[in-house]
Amino acid sequence: MGVKLQSGQTVFIDTAPLIYFIEENDRYIEILTDFFNAVTRLDIMLVTSMITYIEILSLPEKQGQAKLAARYREFLTNSEQLSIYSLTVPVAEAAIRFRAHEGLRTPDAIQLATALVCGVDFVLTNDRAWRKIHTPRVVIIDEL
């Protein structure tokens, strides 16, 4: 892994890496399996937002993929090291700044604002447009 994972870190995980992991995407499954193994081994806390919950479940629900939706719900709500952070006023205020100063769409602004408010060590995403954000630190899957 290119990113040094350390015990006790907190990492915000965006929607795409979770989809790739749970659906075993050919391109990313090996690197994400290594990442999630390290998360468990090093007791790293993962954080995501309600945006991820909504985004990740919308397509399976729309397509009537009840089993896939159930797998996502199980992972998101019963993983010991993953917390889903709600939209709060501090997150909204930070999202406003990301929208106003970085031109991000509201969902992306909320994702990054959640990461910022939670004080994560870095954000794991596959959204290359987020690379322009320097706080919090953004890591693309291929950089792991």
N, C-alpha and C. Protein backbone atom coordinates (compact mmCIF):
# COMPACT_ATOMS: atom_id res chain seq x y z
N MET A 1 0.84 -1.19 0.00
CA MET A 1 0.00 0.00 0.00
C MET A 1 0.88 1.25 0.00
N GLY A 2 0.51 2.22 -0.82
CA GLY A 2 1.25 3.46 -0.90
C GLY A 2 0.96 4.38 0.27
N VAL A 3 -0.23 4.30 0.84
CA VAL A 3 -0.62 5.11 1.99
C VAL A 3 -0.27 4.33 3.24
N LYS A 4 0.37 5.00 4.17
CA LYS A 4 0.75 4.34 5.43
C LYS A 4 -0.44 4.31 6.37
N LEU A 5 -1.03 3.14 6.54
CA LEU A 5 -2.12 2.98 7.49
C LEU A 5 -1.53 2.70 8.86
N GLN A 6 -2.10 3.35 9.87
CA GLN A 6 -1.59 3.20 11.22
C GLN A 6 -2.73 2.91 12.19
N SER A 7 -2.40 2.21 13.22
CA SER A 7 -3.37 1.89 14.25
C SER A 7 -4.02 3.15 14.80
N GLY A 8 -5.33 3.09 14.97
CA GLY A 8 -6.05 4.20 15.56
C GLY A 8 -6.47 5.29 14.61
N GLN A 9 -6.14 5.18 13.33
CA GLN A 9 -6.55 6.20 12.37
C GLN A 9 -8.07 6.16 12.16
N THR A 10 -8.57 7.26 11.63
CA THR A 10 -9.96 7.34 11.19
C THR A 10 -9.94 7.72 9.73
N VAL A 11 -10.70 6.98 8.92
CA VAL A 11 -10.73 7.18 7.47
C VAL A 11 -12.18 7.35 7.03
N PHE A 12 -12.43 8.39 6.25
CA PHE A 12 -13.75 8.54 5.63
C PHE A 12 -13.75 7.71 4.36
N ILE A 13 -14.77 6.90 4.17
CA ILE A 13 -14.86 6.09 2.96
C ILE A 13 -16.06 6.54 2.14
N ASP A 14 -15.78 6.90 0.91
CA ASP A 14 -16.78 7.38 -0.02
C ASP A 14 -17.58 6.19 -0.58
N THR A 15 -18.59 6.48 -1.35
CA THR A 15 -19.50 5.47 -1.87
C THR A 15 -18.82 4.47 -2.80
N ALA A 16 -18.07 4.95 -3.77
CA ALA A 16 -17.49 4.06 -4.79
C ALA A 16 -16.62 2.95 -4.21
N PRO A 17 -15.70 3.23 -3.28
CA PRO A 17 -14.90 2.13 -2.75
C PRO A 17 -15.74 1.04 -2.07
N LEU A 18 -16.83 1.44 -1.44
CA LEU A 18 -17.71 0.45 -0.81
C LEU A 18 -18.42 -0.41 -1.85
N ILE A 19 -18.89 0.23 -2.92
CA ILE A 19 -19.53 -0.52 -4.00
C ILE A 19 -18.54 -1.49 -4.62
N TYR A 20 -17.35 -1.01 -4.91
CA TYR A 20 -16.33 -1.86 -5.53
C TYR A 20 -15.99 -3.06 -4.63
N PHE A 21 -15.92 -2.83 -3.33
CA PHE A 21 -15.58 -3.91 -2.40
C PHE A 21 -16.72 -4.91 -2.28
N ILE A 22 -17.90 -4.43 -2.02
CA ILE A 22 -19.03 -5.33 -1.78
C ILE A 22 -19.41 -6.09 -3.05
N GLU A 23 -19.31 -5.44 -4.20
CA GLU A 23 -19.65 -6.11 -5.45
C GLU A 23 -18.44 -6.78 -6.10
N GLU A 24 -17.30 -6.77 -5.42
CA GLU A 24 -16.07 -7.44 -5.85
C GLU A 24 -15.65 -7.03 -7.27
N ASN A 25 -15.53 -5.73 -7.46
CA ASN A 25 -15.08 -5.17 -8.73
C ASN A 25 -13.71 -5.73 -9.10
N ASP A 26 -13.60 -6.27 -10.30
CA ASP A 26 -12.35 -6.92 -10.74
C ASP A 26 -11.13 -6.02 -10.62
N ARG A 27 -11.29 -4.76 -10.95
CA ARG A 27 -10.14 -3.86 -10.94
C ARG A 27 -9.66 -3.52 -9.53
N TYR A 28 -10.60 -3.44 -8.58
CA TYR A 28 -10.25 -2.92 -7.26
C TYR A 28 -10.36 -3.92 -6.11
N ILE A 29 -10.85 -5.11 -6.35
CA ILE A 29 -11.12 -6.02 -5.23
C ILE A 29 -9.86 -6.37 -4.44
N GLU A 30 -8.77 -6.60 -5.10
CA GLU A 30 -7.54 -6.99 -4.39
C GLU A 30 -7.05 -5.86 -3.48
N ILE A 31 -6.96 -4.66 -4.01
CA ILE A 31 -6.45 -3.54 -3.23
C ILE A 31 -7.42 -3.19 -2.09
N LEU A 32 -8.73 -3.29 -2.34
CA LEU A 32 -9.69 -2.99 -1.29
C LEU A 32 -9.76 -4.09 -0.24
N THR A 33 -9.57 -5.33 -0.64
CA THR A 33 -9.50 -6.42 0.34
C THR A 33 -8.30 -6.20 1.26
N ASP A 34 -7.16 -5.84 0.69
CA ASP A 34 -5.98 -5.53 1.51
C ASP A 34 -6.27 -4.36 2.45
N PHE A 35 -6.95 -3.34 1.94
CA PHE A 35 -7.30 -2.17 2.76
C PHE A 35 -8.20 -2.59 3.93
N PHE A 36 -9.27 -3.31 3.64
CA PHE A 36 -10.20 -3.70 4.71
C PHE A 36 -9.55 -4.68 5.70
N ASN A 37 -8.66 -5.53 5.24
CA ASN A 37 -7.91 -6.38 6.16
C ASN A 37 -7.04 -5.54 7.09
N ALA A 38 -6.40 -4.52 6.54
CA ALA A 38 -5.57 -3.62 7.36
C ALA A 38 -6.44 -2.84 8.34
N VAL A 39 -7.62 -2.43 7.92
CA VAL A 39 -8.55 -1.72 8.80
C VAL A 39 -8.86 -2.58 10.02
N THR A 40 -9.14 -3.84 9.79
CA THR A 40 -9.44 -4.75 10.90
C THR A 40 -8.21 -5.00 11.77
N ARG A 41 -7.10 -5.30 11.13
CA ARG A 41 -5.86 -5.62 11.85
C ARG A 41 -5.36 -4.45 12.69
N LEU A 42 -5.47 -3.23 12.16
CA LEU A 42 -4.92 -2.05 12.82
C LEU A 42 -5.96 -1.28 13.64
N ASP A 43 -7.18 -1.80 13.69
CA ASP A 43 -8.26 -1.16 14.44
C ASP A 43 -8.46 0.29 13.98
N ILE A 44 -8.60 0.43 12.67
CA ILE A 44 -8.87 1.73 12.06
C ILE A 44 -10.37 1.94 12.02
N MET A 45 -10.82 3.13 12.37
CA MET A 45 -12.25 3.44 12.33
C MET A 45 -12.60 4.02 10.97
N LEU A 46 -13.65 3.52 10.37
CA LEU A 46 -14.16 4.05 9.11
C LEU A 46 -15.41 4.88 9.39
N VAL A 47 -15.52 5.99 8.67
CA VAL A 47 -16.66 6.88 8.79
C VAL A 47 -17.20 7.12 7.39
N THR A 48 -18.50 7.20 7.27
CA THR A 48 -19.12 7.64 6.03
C THR A 48 -20.33 8.47 6.41
N SER A 49 -21.05 8.97 5.42
CA SER A 49 -22.20 9.82 5.72
C SER A 49 -23.49 9.18 5.22
N MET A 50 -24.59 9.79 5.58
CA MET A 50 -25.89 9.33 5.09
C MET A 50 -25.98 9.45 3.57
N ILE A 51 -25.18 10.33 2.98
CA ILE A 51 -25.14 10.43 1.52
C ILE A 51 -24.73 9.08 0.94
N THR A 52 -23.71 8.46 1.50
CA THR A 52 -23.26 7.14 1.03
C THR A 52 -24.38 6.13 1.19
N TYR A 53 -25.05 6.13 2.31
CA TYR A 53 -26.14 5.19 2.55
C TYR A 53 -27.21 5.33 1.47
N ILE A 54 -27.57 6.56 1.16
CA ILE A 54 -28.59 6.83 0.15
C ILE A 54 -28.08 6.44 -1.24
N GLU A 55 -26.87 6.86 -1.57
CA GLU A 55 -26.32 6.58 -2.90
C GLU A 55 -26.16 5.08 -3.15
N ILE A 56 -25.66 4.39 -2.16
CA ILE A 56 -25.32 2.98 -2.35
C ILE A 56 -26.56 2.09 -2.46
N LEU A 57 -27.65 2.52 -1.85
CA LEU A 57 -28.86 1.68 -1.86
C LEU A 57 -29.87 2.07 -2.93
N SER A 58 -29.73 3.22 -3.52
CA SER A 58 -30.72 3.69 -4.49
C SER A 58 -30.84 2.80 -5.73
N LEU A 59 -29.71 2.44 -6.33
CA LEU A 59 -29.76 1.64 -7.56
C LEU A 59 -30.29 0.22 -7.30
N PRO A 60 -29.80 -0.50 -6.30
CA PRO A 60 -30.38 -1.83 -6.04
C PRO A 60 -31.89 -1.77 -5.76
N GLU A 61 -32.31 -0.75 -5.04
CA GLU A 61 -33.75 -0.59 -4.79
C GLU A 61 -34.50 -0.35 -6.08
N LYS A 62 -33.98 0.54 -6.92
CA LYS A 62 -34.63 0.86 -8.19
C LYS A 62 -34.73 -0.36 -9.09
N GLN A 63 -33.68 -1.19 -9.08
CA GLN A 63 -33.62 -2.36 -9.96
C GLN A 63 -34.24 -3.60 -9.33
N GLY A 64 -34.78 -3.47 -8.12
CA GLY A 64 -35.40 -4.61 -7.46
C GLY A 64 -34.41 -5.68 -7.02
N GLN A 65 -33.17 -5.28 -6.78
CA GLN A 65 -32.12 -6.23 -6.35
C GLN A 65 -32.11 -6.31 -4.82
N ALA A 66 -33.10 -7.01 -4.29
CA ALA A 66 -33.28 -7.08 -2.84
C ALA A 66 -32.08 -7.72 -2.13
N LYS A 67 -31.49 -8.74 -2.72
CA LYS A 67 -30.35 -9.40 -2.07
C LYS A 67 -29.14 -8.47 -1.99
N LEU A 68 -28.88 -7.74 -3.06
CA LEU A 68 -27.76 -6.80 -3.05
C LEU A 68 -28.03 -5.67 -2.06
N ALA A 69 -29.24 -5.16 -2.05
CA ALA A 69 -29.60 -4.11 -1.10
C ALA A 69 -29.43 -4.61 0.33
N ALA A 70 -29.81 -5.85 0.58
CA ALA A 70 -29.65 -6.43 1.92
C ALA A 70 -28.18 -6.55 2.30
N ARG A 71 -27.32 -6.93 1.33
CA ARG A 71 -25.87 -7.01 1.61
C ARG A 71 -25.31 -5.65 1.98
N TYR A 72 -25.74 -4.62 1.22
CA TYR A 72 -25.28 -3.27 1.53
C TYR A 72 -25.75 -2.84 2.91
N ARG A 73 -27.03 -3.04 3.20
CA ARG A 73 -27.56 -2.64 4.50
C ARG A 73 -26.82 -3.35 5.63
N GLU A 74 -26.59 -4.63 5.47
CA GLU A 74 -25.88 -5.41 6.49
C GLU A 74 -24.48 -4.83 6.72
N PHE A 75 -23.76 -4.58 5.64
CA PHE A 75 -22.40 -4.05 5.77
C PHE A 75 -22.41 -2.67 6.41
N LEU A 76 -23.27 -1.81 5.94
CA LEU A 76 -23.29 -0.42 6.41
C LEU A 76 -23.78 -0.28 7.85
N THR A 77 -24.68 -1.13 8.26
CA THR A 77 -25.27 -0.95 9.60
C THR A 77 -24.72 -1.91 10.65
N ASN A 78 -23.99 -2.94 10.24
CA ASN A 78 -23.50 -3.92 11.22
C ASN A 78 -22.00 -4.12 11.23
N SER A 79 -21.26 -3.27 10.55
CA SER A 79 -19.81 -3.38 10.57
C SER A 79 -19.28 -2.69 11.82
N GLU A 80 -18.50 -3.42 12.59
CA GLU A 80 -17.99 -2.88 13.86
C GLU A 80 -17.13 -1.64 13.68
N GLN A 81 -16.43 -1.53 12.58
CA GLN A 81 -15.50 -0.43 12.41
C GLN A 81 -16.00 0.66 11.46
N LEU A 82 -17.29 0.63 11.12
CA LEU A 82 -17.86 1.63 10.23
C LEU A 82 -19.00 2.35 10.93
N SER A 83 -18.91 3.68 10.93
CA SER A 83 -19.97 4.51 11.49
C SER A 83 -20.54 5.38 10.39
N ILE A 84 -21.85 5.53 10.38
CA ILE A 84 -22.52 6.43 9.44
C ILE A 84 -22.85 7.70 10.21
N TYR A 85 -22.30 8.81 9.75
CA TYR A 85 -22.45 10.09 10.43
C TYR A 85 -23.63 10.84 9.82
N SER A 86 -24.49 11.35 10.66
CA SER A 86 -25.67 12.09 10.21
C SER A 86 -25.31 13.52 9.81
N LEU A 87 -26.22 14.12 9.06
CA LEU A 87 -26.07 15.53 8.70
C LEU A 87 -26.37 16.37 9.94
N THR A 88 -25.41 17.17 10.32
CA THR A 88 -25.54 18.04 11.48
C THR A 88 -25.31 19.48 11.03
N VAL A 89 -25.57 20.42 11.91
CA VAL A 89 -25.32 21.82 11.57
C VAL A 89 -23.83 22.06 11.27
N PRO A 90 -22.89 21.55 12.07
CA PRO A 90 -21.48 21.75 11.71
C PRO A 90 -21.12 21.16 10.34
N VAL A 91 -21.69 20.00 10.00
CA VAL A 91 -21.44 19.42 8.68
C VAL A 91 -22.04 20.32 7.61
N ALA A 92 -23.25 20.79 7.83
CA ALA A 92 -23.89 21.69 6.86
C ALA A 92 -23.07 22.95 6.65
N GLU A 93 -22.56 23.53 7.73
CA GLU A 93 -21.74 24.75 7.61
C GLU A 93 -20.47 24.48 6.80
N ALA A 94 -19.83 23.36 7.06
CA ALA A 94 -18.63 23.01 6.29
C ALA A 94 -18.99 22.74 4.83
N ALA A 95 -20.13 22.10 4.59
CA ALA A 95 -20.59 21.83 3.22
C ALA A 95 -20.85 23.13 2.48
N ILE A 96 -21.41 24.09 3.16
CA ILE A 96 -21.64 25.41 2.55
C ILE A 96 -20.32 25.99 2.06
N ARG A 97 -19.30 25.90 2.88
CA ARG A 97 -17.98 26.43 2.48
C ARG A 97 -17.41 25.66 1.28
N PHE A 98 -17.56 24.35 1.26
CA PHE A 98 -17.07 23.57 0.11
C PHE A 98 -17.83 23.93 -1.16
N ARG A 99 -19.12 24.17 -1.04
CA ARG A 99 -19.91 24.57 -2.22
C ARG A 99 -19.52 25.97 -2.67
N ALA A 100 -19.40 26.87 -1.74
CA ALA A 100 -19.14 28.27 -2.07
C ALA A 100 -17.72 28.50 -2.60
N HIS A 101 -16.75 27.82 -2.01
CA HIS A 101 -15.35 28.10 -2.36
C HIS A 101 -14.72 27.09 -3.31
N GLU A 102 -15.26 25.88 -3.36
CA GLU A 102 -14.68 24.85 -4.22
C GLU A 102 -15.60 24.47 -5.37
N GLY A 103 -16.84 24.97 -5.33
CA GLY A 103 -17.79 24.69 -6.40
C GLY A 103 -18.29 23.25 -6.45
N LEU A 104 -18.24 22.57 -5.31
CA LEU A 104 -18.68 21.17 -5.27
C LEU A 104 -20.19 21.07 -5.29
N ARG A 105 -20.68 19.97 -5.87
CA ARG A 105 -22.11 19.67 -5.81
C ARG A 105 -22.46 19.35 -4.35
N THR A 106 -23.71 19.54 -3.99
CA THR A 106 -24.13 19.34 -2.60
C THR A 106 -23.76 17.97 -2.04
N PRO A 107 -24.03 16.84 -2.74
CA PRO A 107 -23.64 15.55 -2.15
C PRO A 107 -22.14 15.45 -1.87
N ASP A 108 -21.32 15.90 -2.81
CA ASP A 108 -19.87 15.86 -2.61
C ASP A 108 -19.45 16.77 -1.47
N ALA A 109 -20.05 17.94 -1.39
CA ALA A 109 -19.74 18.87 -0.30
C ALA A 109 -20.09 18.26 1.05
N ILE A 110 -21.22 17.57 1.13
CA ILE A 110 -21.61 16.92 2.39
C ILE A 110 -20.65 15.80 2.74
N GLN A 111 -20.24 15.01 1.75
CA GLN A 111 -19.29 13.93 2.01
C GLN A 111 -18.00 14.49 2.61
N LEU A 112 -17.43 15.48 1.95
CA LEU A 112 -16.16 16.04 2.42
C LEU A 112 -16.33 16.81 3.72
N ALA A 113 -17.45 17.46 3.90
CA ALA A 113 -17.72 18.17 5.15
C ALA A 113 -17.83 17.19 6.31
N THR A 114 -18.47 16.07 6.07
CA THR A 114 -18.56 15.03 7.11
C THR A 114 -17.16 14.56 7.50
N ALA A 115 -16.33 14.31 6.51
CA ALA A 115 -14.95 13.89 6.78
C ALA A 115 -14.21 14.95 7.58
N LEU A 116 -14.37 16.21 7.20
CA LEU A 116 -13.69 17.30 7.89
C LEU A 116 -14.14 17.40 9.35
N VAL A 117 -15.45 17.38 9.56
CA VAL A 117 -16.00 17.51 10.92
C VAL A 117 -15.59 16.31 11.79
N CYS A 118 -15.50 15.14 11.19
CA CYS A 118 -15.12 13.94 11.94
C CYS A 118 -13.61 13.89 12.21
N GLY A 119 -12.85 14.78 11.60
CA GLY A 119 -11.42 14.84 11.85
C GLY A 119 -10.66 13.63 11.34
N VAL A 120 -11.04 13.14 10.17
CA VAL A 120 -10.41 11.94 9.64
C VAL A 120 -8.97 12.19 9.22
N ASP A 121 -8.21 11.11 9.15
CA ASP A 121 -6.83 11.21 8.69
C ASP A 121 -6.77 11.36 7.17
N PHE A 122 -7.70 10.73 6.47
CA PHE A 122 -7.83 10.94 5.04
C PHE A 122 -9.18 10.42 4.56
N VAL A 123 -9.51 10.78 3.32
CA VAL A 123 -10.73 10.37 2.64
C VAL A 123 -10.33 9.38 1.56
N LEU A 124 -11.01 8.24 1.51
CA LEU A 124 -10.77 7.27 0.44
C LEU A 124 -11.93 7.36 -0.56
N THR A 125 -11.59 7.67 -1.79
CA THR A 125 -12.58 7.86 -2.84
C THR A 125 -12.01 7.39 -4.17
N ASN A 126 -12.83 7.44 -5.18
CA ASN A 126 -12.33 7.26 -6.53
C ASN A 126 -12.74 8.46 -7.38
N ASP A 127 -13.15 9.53 -6.71
CA ASP A 127 -13.58 10.76 -7.38
C ASP A 127 -12.36 11.66 -7.54
N ARG A 128 -11.78 11.65 -8.72
CA ARG A 128 -10.55 12.41 -8.97
C ARG A 128 -10.76 13.92 -8.87
N ALA A 129 -11.99 14.38 -9.02
CA ALA A 129 -12.28 15.81 -8.88
C ALA A 129 -12.02 16.30 -7.46
N TRP A 130 -12.06 15.38 -6.50
CA TRP A 130 -11.82 15.76 -5.11
C TRP A 130 -10.35 16.02 -4.82
N ARG A 131 -9.47 15.69 -5.74
CA ARG A 131 -8.03 15.89 -5.51
C ARG A 131 -7.67 17.34 -5.27
N LYS A 132 -8.51 18.27 -5.73
CA LYS A 132 -8.23 19.69 -5.52
C LYS A 132 -8.43 20.09 -4.06
N ILE A 133 -9.06 19.24 -3.28
CA ILE A 133 -9.30 19.50 -1.86
C ILE A 133 -8.06 19.04 -1.08
N HIS A 134 -7.56 19.90 -0.23
CA HIS A 134 -6.35 19.55 0.52
C HIS A 134 -6.65 19.25 1.99
N THR A 135 -7.79 19.71 2.48
CA THR A 135 -8.18 19.42 3.86
C THR A 135 -9.65 19.07 3.85
N PRO A 136 -9.99 17.85 4.14
CA PRO A 136 -9.13 16.73 4.53
C PRO A 136 -8.35 16.16 3.34
N ARG A 137 -7.32 15.40 3.66
CA ARG A 137 -6.49 14.78 2.63
C ARG A 137 -7.34 13.78 1.85
N VAL A 138 -7.25 13.82 0.54
CA VAL A 138 -7.99 12.93 -0.35
C VAL A 138 -7.05 11.90 -0.94
N VAL A 139 -7.42 10.63 -0.85
CA VAL A 139 -6.63 9.52 -1.40
C VAL A 139 -7.52 8.77 -2.39
N ILE A 140 -7.01 8.57 -3.60
CA ILE A 140 -7.69 7.80 -4.63
C ILE A 140 -7.33 6.33 -4.42
N ILE A 141 -8.25 5.44 -4.71
CA ILE A 141 -8.05 4.01 -4.46
C ILE A 141 -6.71 3.53 -4.99
N ASP A 142 -6.35 3.94 -6.19
CA ASP A 142 -5.09 3.47 -6.78
C ASP A 142 -3.86 3.92 -6.00
N GLU A 143 -4.02 4.88 -5.09
CA GLU A 143 -2.89 5.37 -4.28
C GLU A 143 -2.69 4.56 -3.00
N LEU A 144 -3.59 3.63 -2.75
CA LEU A 144 -3.44 2.80 -1.55
C LEU A 144 -2.21 1.92 -1.64
